N, C-alpha and C. Protein backbone atom coordinates (compact mmCIF):
# COMPACT_ATOMS: atom_id res chain seq x y z
N MET A 1 -135.94 -55.88 -73.86
CA MET A 1 -134.73 -55.65 -72.98
C MET A 1 -135.00 -53.91 -73.81
N MET A 2 -134.26 -53.09 -73.04
CA MET A 2 -133.84 -52.19 -73.52
C MET A 2 -132.78 -51.77 -73.79
N SER A 3 -132.03 -51.06 -74.83
CA SER A 3 -130.90 -51.01 -75.19
C SER A 3 -130.15 -49.47 -74.53
N GLU A 4 -129.48 -49.44 -74.12
CA GLU A 4 -128.67 -48.14 -73.19
C GLU A 4 -128.81 -47.14 -74.38
N GLN A 5 -128.91 -46.12 -74.11
CA GLN A 5 -129.42 -44.97 -74.99
C GLN A 5 -128.23 -44.04 -74.48
N ASP A 6 -127.94 -43.07 -75.86
CA ASP A 6 -126.44 -42.33 -75.82
C ASP A 6 -127.50 -40.82 -75.36
N TRP A 7 -127.05 -40.22 -74.23
CA TRP A 7 -127.78 -39.18 -74.00
C TRP A 7 -126.84 -37.98 -74.33
N SER A 8 -125.52 -38.39 -74.71
CA SER A 8 -124.78 -37.16 -75.13
C SER A 8 -124.71 -36.44 -76.35
N ARG A 9 -126.09 -36.71 -77.11
CA ARG A 9 -126.20 -35.86 -77.82
C ARG A 9 -127.15 -34.82 -77.26
N LEU A 10 -128.06 -34.94 -76.39
CA LEU A 10 -129.45 -34.45 -75.64
C LEU A 10 -128.59 -32.60 -74.78
N SER A 11 -127.35 -32.96 -74.80
CA SER A 11 -126.81 -31.94 -74.43
C SER A 11 -126.83 -30.63 -74.74
N ARG A 12 -126.87 -29.86 -73.85
CA ARG A 12 -127.04 -28.30 -74.41
C ARG A 12 -125.65 -27.84 -74.43
N PRO A 13 -125.82 -26.89 -75.24
CA PRO A 13 -124.27 -25.84 -75.47
C PRO A 13 -124.31 -25.06 -74.07
N ARG A 14 -123.10 -24.81 -73.98
CA ARG A 14 -122.77 -23.97 -72.47
C ARG A 14 -122.49 -22.82 -72.81
N TYR A 15 -123.35 -21.51 -72.04
CA TYR A 15 -123.11 -20.34 -72.97
C TYR A 15 -121.90 -19.39 -71.42
N ALA A 16 -120.99 -18.84 -72.57
CA ALA A 16 -120.33 -17.81 -71.77
C ALA A 16 -121.15 -16.53 -71.47
N MET A 17 -120.81 -16.00 -69.92
CA MET A 17 -121.45 -15.11 -69.27
C MET A 17 -121.43 -13.72 -70.37
N PRO A 18 -122.21 -13.22 -70.73
CA PRO A 18 -122.26 -11.95 -71.42
C PRO A 18 -122.32 -10.54 -70.68
N GLU A 19 -121.42 -9.78 -71.32
CA GLU A 19 -121.29 -8.42 -70.60
C GLU A 19 -122.08 -8.02 -70.03
N ASP A 20 -123.71 -7.87 -70.60
CA ASP A 20 -124.47 -6.91 -70.07
C ASP A 20 -125.14 -7.41 -68.96
N LEU A 21 -125.30 -8.77 -68.84
CA LEU A 21 -126.03 -9.30 -67.88
C LEU A 21 -125.35 -9.21 -66.80
N ALA A 22 -123.64 -9.35 -66.67
CA ALA A 22 -122.57 -9.32 -65.93
C ALA A 22 -122.73 -8.23 -64.88
N LYS A 23 -122.88 -7.00 -65.72
CA LYS A 23 -123.17 -5.65 -65.67
C LYS A 23 -124.76 -5.70 -64.52
N ALA A 24 -125.40 -6.08 -65.07
CA ALA A 24 -126.83 -6.02 -64.22
C ALA A 24 -127.02 -6.58 -63.44
N LEU A 25 -126.53 -7.82 -62.95
CA LEU A 25 -126.02 -8.53 -61.70
C LEU A 25 -125.55 -7.88 -60.99
N LYS A 26 -124.60 -7.61 -61.30
CA LYS A 26 -123.62 -6.88 -60.03
C LYS A 26 -123.96 -5.32 -59.98
N SER A 27 -124.99 -4.87 -60.68
CA SER A 27 -125.53 -3.26 -60.32
C SER A 27 -126.78 -3.49 -59.53
N HIS A 28 -127.53 -4.52 -59.84
CA HIS A 28 -128.70 -4.74 -58.70
C HIS A 28 -128.36 -5.84 -57.63
N GLN A 29 -126.78 -6.15 -57.22
CA GLN A 29 -126.45 -6.83 -56.62
C GLN A 29 -127.28 -7.97 -56.54
N LEU A 30 -127.25 -8.90 -57.80
CA LEU A 30 -127.89 -10.45 -57.76
C LEU A 30 -127.02 -11.11 -58.02
N SER A 31 -125.88 -10.99 -57.84
CA SER A 31 -124.89 -12.12 -58.34
C SER A 31 -125.22 -13.28 -57.66
N GLN A 32 -125.10 -13.29 -56.36
CA GLN A 32 -125.82 -14.42 -55.70
C GLN A 32 -127.09 -15.23 -56.16
N ALA A 33 -127.95 -13.99 -55.98
CA ALA A 33 -129.29 -15.26 -56.76
C ALA A 33 -128.89 -15.97 -57.81
N TYR A 34 -128.16 -15.42 -58.83
CA TYR A 34 -128.29 -15.66 -59.79
C TYR A 34 -127.42 -17.36 -59.77
N GLN A 35 -126.28 -17.11 -58.81
CA GLN A 35 -125.46 -18.38 -59.02
C GLN A 35 -126.08 -19.41 -57.90
N ALA A 36 -127.47 -19.02 -56.95
CA ALA A 36 -127.95 -19.80 -56.60
C ALA A 36 -128.99 -20.44 -56.97
N ARG A 37 -128.99 -20.50 -58.54
CA ARG A 37 -130.22 -20.90 -59.13
C ARG A 37 -129.08 -22.06 -59.89
N PRO A 38 -129.97 -23.28 -60.26
CA PRO A 38 -129.21 -24.83 -60.75
C PRO A 38 -128.74 -23.98 -62.12
N PRO A 39 -127.22 -25.07 -62.13
CA PRO A 39 -126.27 -24.44 -63.51
C PRO A 39 -127.68 -24.58 -64.97
N TYR A 40 -128.90 -25.35 -64.94
CA TYR A 40 -129.41 -25.39 -66.20
C TYR A 40 -130.72 -23.93 -66.15
N GLN A 41 -130.77 -23.69 -65.09
CA GLN A 41 -131.34 -22.35 -65.06
C GLN A 41 -130.39 -20.82 -65.89
N GLN A 42 -129.19 -21.10 -65.09
CA GLN A 42 -128.30 -19.96 -65.16
C GLN A 42 -128.30 -20.06 -67.25
N ASN A 43 -128.24 -21.37 -67.52
CA ASN A 43 -127.28 -21.21 -68.85
C ASN A 43 -128.58 -21.22 -69.68
N ASP A 44 -129.55 -21.50 -69.33
CA ASP A 44 -131.18 -21.17 -70.42
C ASP A 44 -131.32 -19.69 -70.22
N TYR A 45 -130.94 -18.71 -69.06
CA TYR A 45 -131.32 -17.68 -69.46
C TYR A 45 -130.11 -16.97 -70.20
N ILE A 46 -128.86 -17.14 -69.91
CA ILE A 46 -127.95 -16.42 -70.88
C ILE A 46 -127.99 -16.87 -72.60
N GLY A 47 -128.71 -18.46 -72.48
CA GLY A 47 -129.30 -18.90 -73.88
C GLY A 47 -130.00 -17.81 -74.41
N TRP A 48 -131.52 -17.60 -73.60
CA TRP A 48 -132.58 -16.82 -73.82
C TRP A 48 -132.23 -15.39 -74.21
N LEU A 49 -131.08 -15.31 -73.63
CA LEU A 49 -130.93 -13.69 -73.78
C LEU A 49 -130.02 -13.38 -75.47
N ASN A 50 -129.02 -14.26 -75.35
CA ASN A 50 -128.26 -14.24 -76.22
C ASN A 50 -128.95 -14.75 -78.26
N ARG A 51 -130.44 -15.23 -78.01
CA ARG A 51 -130.86 -15.46 -78.95
C ARG A 51 -132.01 -14.01 -79.38
N ALA A 52 -132.02 -13.02 -78.66
CA ALA A 52 -132.81 -11.65 -78.94
C ALA A 52 -132.02 -11.32 -80.07
N LYS A 53 -132.99 -11.03 -81.13
CA LYS A 53 -132.38 -10.46 -82.50
C LYS A 53 -132.15 -8.67 -82.37
N ARG A 54 -133.25 -8.62 -81.77
CA ARG A 54 -133.28 -6.70 -81.46
C ARG A 54 -132.87 -6.38 -80.54
N PRO A 55 -131.99 -5.55 -80.10
CA PRO A 55 -131.71 -4.88 -78.56
C PRO A 55 -132.79 -4.34 -78.01
N GLU A 56 -134.09 -4.30 -78.40
CA GLU A 56 -135.06 -4.17 -77.95
C GLU A 56 -135.48 -5.30 -76.59
N THR A 57 -135.56 -6.46 -77.72
CA THR A 57 -135.92 -7.98 -77.00
C THR A 57 -135.06 -8.00 -76.11
N ARG A 58 -133.41 -7.64 -76.14
CA ARG A 58 -132.65 -8.24 -75.56
C ARG A 58 -132.97 -7.53 -74.43
N GLN A 59 -133.06 -6.41 -74.17
CA GLN A 59 -133.23 -4.98 -72.99
C GLN A 59 -134.66 -5.88 -72.49
N LYS A 60 -135.74 -5.94 -73.15
CA LYS A 60 -136.89 -6.81 -72.40
C LYS A 60 -136.42 -8.10 -71.98
N ARG A 61 -135.73 -9.00 -72.55
CA ARG A 61 -135.18 -10.42 -71.80
C ARG A 61 -134.37 -9.79 -70.05
N LEU A 62 -133.49 -9.09 -70.75
CA LEU A 62 -132.45 -8.87 -69.18
C LEU A 62 -133.40 -8.34 -68.22
N ASP A 63 -134.09 -7.54 -68.20
CA ASP A 63 -134.86 -6.89 -67.22
C ASP A 63 -135.88 -7.92 -66.56
N GLN A 64 -136.63 -8.72 -67.39
CA GLN A 64 -136.80 -9.73 -67.08
C GLN A 64 -135.88 -10.87 -66.03
N ILE A 65 -134.86 -11.14 -66.57
CA ILE A 65 -134.44 -12.01 -65.72
C ILE A 65 -133.61 -11.68 -64.35
N VAL A 66 -133.51 -9.96 -64.33
CA VAL A 66 -133.24 -9.35 -63.29
C VAL A 66 -134.83 -9.19 -62.17
N ASP A 67 -135.82 -9.21 -62.90
CA ASP A 67 -137.07 -8.88 -61.96
C ASP A 67 -137.19 -10.70 -61.37
N GLU A 68 -137.17 -11.62 -62.27
CA GLU A 68 -136.73 -12.87 -61.67
C GLU A 68 -136.45 -13.07 -60.57
N LEU A 69 -134.89 -12.86 -60.49
CA LEU A 69 -134.04 -12.83 -59.59
C LEU A 69 -134.43 -12.38 -58.27
N ARG A 70 -134.74 -11.07 -58.55
CA ARG A 70 -135.01 -10.34 -57.80
C ARG A 70 -136.53 -10.68 -56.45
N ARG A 71 -137.10 -11.34 -57.37
CA ARG A 71 -138.51 -11.76 -56.99
C ARG A 71 -137.80 -13.29 -56.40
N GLY A 72 -137.19 -13.98 -56.83
CA GLY A 72 -136.48 -14.94 -56.54
C GLY A 72 -137.68 -16.62 -56.37
N ASP A 73 -138.82 -16.43 -56.73
CA ASP A 73 -139.96 -17.67 -57.18
C ASP A 73 -140.26 -17.54 -58.53
N VAL A 74 -139.90 -17.17 -59.35
CA VAL A 74 -139.89 -17.25 -60.72
C VAL A 74 -139.14 -17.89 -61.90
N TYR A 75 -139.25 -18.57 -62.54
CA TYR A 75 -138.22 -18.93 -63.52
C TYR A 75 -138.73 -19.09 -65.03
N MET A 76 -138.24 -17.90 -65.70
CA MET A 76 -139.14 -17.88 -67.57
C MET A 76 -140.37 -17.68 -67.00
N ASN A 77 -141.29 -16.79 -66.31
CA ASN A 77 -142.36 -16.92 -66.18
C ASN A 77 -143.29 -17.78 -65.46
N MET A 78 -142.39 -18.59 -64.86
CA MET A 78 -143.37 -19.62 -64.05
C MET A 78 -143.00 -19.79 -62.88
N LYS A 79 -143.87 -20.40 -62.06
CA LYS A 79 -143.76 -20.12 -60.27
C LYS A 79 -142.29 -21.66 -59.94
N TRP A 80 -141.51 -21.23 -59.41
CA TRP A 80 -140.46 -22.03 -59.04
C TRP A 80 -139.70 -22.15 -57.83
N GLN A 81 -139.79 -23.03 -57.61
CA GLN A 81 -139.26 -22.89 -55.46
C GLN A 81 -137.91 -23.97 -55.73
N ALA A 82 -136.82 -23.10 -54.98
CA ALA A 82 -135.72 -23.56 -54.76
C ALA A 82 -135.66 -25.06 -53.66
N LYS A 83 -135.10 -25.64 -54.38
CA LYS A 83 -135.16 -26.94 -53.27
C LYS A 83 -134.16 -26.54 -51.47
């Protein structure tokens, strides 16, 4: 018999939308594409962006997010298909 597991410790922190990402989504008209992504992807993108230590790294990640949202079939450099 398996015991009930406590999954609450495994939940990820939820990140607030950073200003630079919000501006990039608006200027590239990708807000809808971002909102169409599953919540875990939205949160992962923000967390990944926030973990950049150098401004150059942050900009590179921001550019990748914009590119992936524009393309629509990529998530974190992996092929992705919306359901």
